[in-house]
């Protein structure tokens, strides 16, 4: 777990270090979600749509992809 002492500005802004922002994936102009849990303020970055699309949902090899494709086609009666 990383920990740092942060500064709160006159208008309530919370200033973080570049190291902390980079560690959790906060980007300039990005959005964050803030929530209160008990007496803690939790701030988490919200990934952009582009970041979500880039992340693979599953990783399979070509042979497995072919096997799954054939199985789906057979179930639909479209194989052959």
Protein backbone atom coordinates (compact mmCIF):
# COMPACT_ATOMS: atom_id res chain seq x y z
CA UNK A 1 0.00 0.00 0.00
CA UNK A 2 1.31 3.45 -0.92
CA UNK A 3 0.81 6.36 1.40
CA UNK A 4 1.47 10.09 1.12
CA UNK A 5 0.70 13.31 2.93
CA UNK A 6 -1.30 15.57 0.60
CA UNK A 7 -2.10 19.27 0.71
CA UNK A 8 -5.64 20.65 0.70
CA UNK A 9 -5.97 24.02 -1.03
CA UNK A 10 -8.03 27.06 0.01
CA UNK A 11 -11.05 25.88 -2.01
CA UNK A 12 -10.76 22.24 -0.89
CA UNK A 13 -8.64 21.02 -3.80
CA UNK A 14 -6.55 17.96 -2.99
CA UNK A 15 -3.08 18.04 -4.52
CA UNK A 16 -1.47 14.70 -5.31
CA UNK A 17 1.98 13.84 -6.61
CA UNK A 18 2.63 12.65 -10.15
CA UNK A 19 3.93 9.37 -8.71
CA UNK A 20 0.59 8.66 -6.98
CA UNK A 21 -1.46 9.65 -10.02
CA UNK A 22 0.62 7.46 -12.31
CA UNK A 23 0.44 4.50 -9.93
CA UNK A 24 -3.37 4.44 -10.02
CA UNK A 25 -3.81 5.57 -13.63
CA UNK A 26 -5.13 9.11 -13.11
CA UNK A 27 -4.68 11.20 -16.25
CA UNK A 28 -4.81 14.95 -16.83
CA UNK A 29 -8.40 15.86 -17.66
CA UNK A 30 -9.65 12.43 -16.59
CA UNK A 31 -12.54 11.72 -14.27
CA UNK A 32 -12.36 10.27 -10.78
CA UNK A 33 -14.99 8.79 -8.49
CA UNK A 34 -15.02 9.98 -4.88
CA UNK A 35 -16.86 8.11 -2.15
CA UNK A 36 -16.97 8.17 1.60
CA UNK A 37 -16.59 4.93 3.52
CA UNK A 38 -16.90 5.51 7.25
CA UNK A 39 -14.53 8.38 7.92
CA UNK A 40 -12.42 7.78 4.79
CA UNK A 41 -12.50 9.59 1.46
CA UNK A 42 -11.70 7.17 -1.38
CA UNK A 43 -10.80 8.60 -4.77
CA UNK A 44 -10.51 6.24 -7.75
CA UNK A 45 -9.89 6.96 -11.43
CA UNK A 46 -12.69 6.17 -13.86
CA UNK A 47 -11.24 4.52 -16.97
CA UNK A 48 -12.09 6.06 -20.33
CA UNK A 49 -14.02 4.09 -22.92
CA UNK A 50 -10.81 3.78 -24.93
CA UNK A 51 -9.00 2.25 -21.95
CA UNK A 52 -11.83 -0.23 -21.41
CA UNK A 53 -11.88 -1.25 -25.08
CA UNK A 54 -8.10 -1.81 -25.12
CA UNK A 55 -8.27 -4.18 -22.16
CA UNK A 56 -8.73 -7.77 -23.34
CA UNK A 57 -11.78 -9.52 -21.98
CA UNK A 58 -10.30 -12.97 -22.50
CA UNK A 59 -7.08 -14.30 -23.94
CA UNK A 60 -7.27 -17.47 -26.02
CA UNK A 61 -5.16 -18.96 -28.74
CA UNK A 62 -6.13 -19.42 -32.38
CA UNK A 63 -6.85 -23.14 -31.91
CA UNK A 64 -9.22 -22.48 -29.02
CA UNK A 65 -10.95 -19.68 -30.96
CA UNK A 66 -11.45 -22.04 -33.92
CA UNK A 67 -12.82 -24.78 -31.67
CA UNK A 68 -15.30 -22.38 -30.06
CA UNK A 69 -16.34 -21.04 -33.46
CA UNK A 70 -16.99 -24.53 -34.81
CA UNK A 71 -18.95 -25.47 -31.69
CA UNK A 72 -21.16 -22.37 -31.99
CA UNK A 73 -21.74 -23.02 -35.69
CA UNK A 74 -22.71 -26.64 -35.02
CA UNK A 75 -25.16 -25.54 -32.33
CA UNK A 76 -26.80 -23.18 -34.82
CA UNK A 77 -26.78 -25.76 -37.62
CA UNK A 78 -24.51 -23.61 -39.77
CA UNK A 79 -21.39 -25.78 -39.70
CA UNK A 80 -20.16 -27.66 -42.72
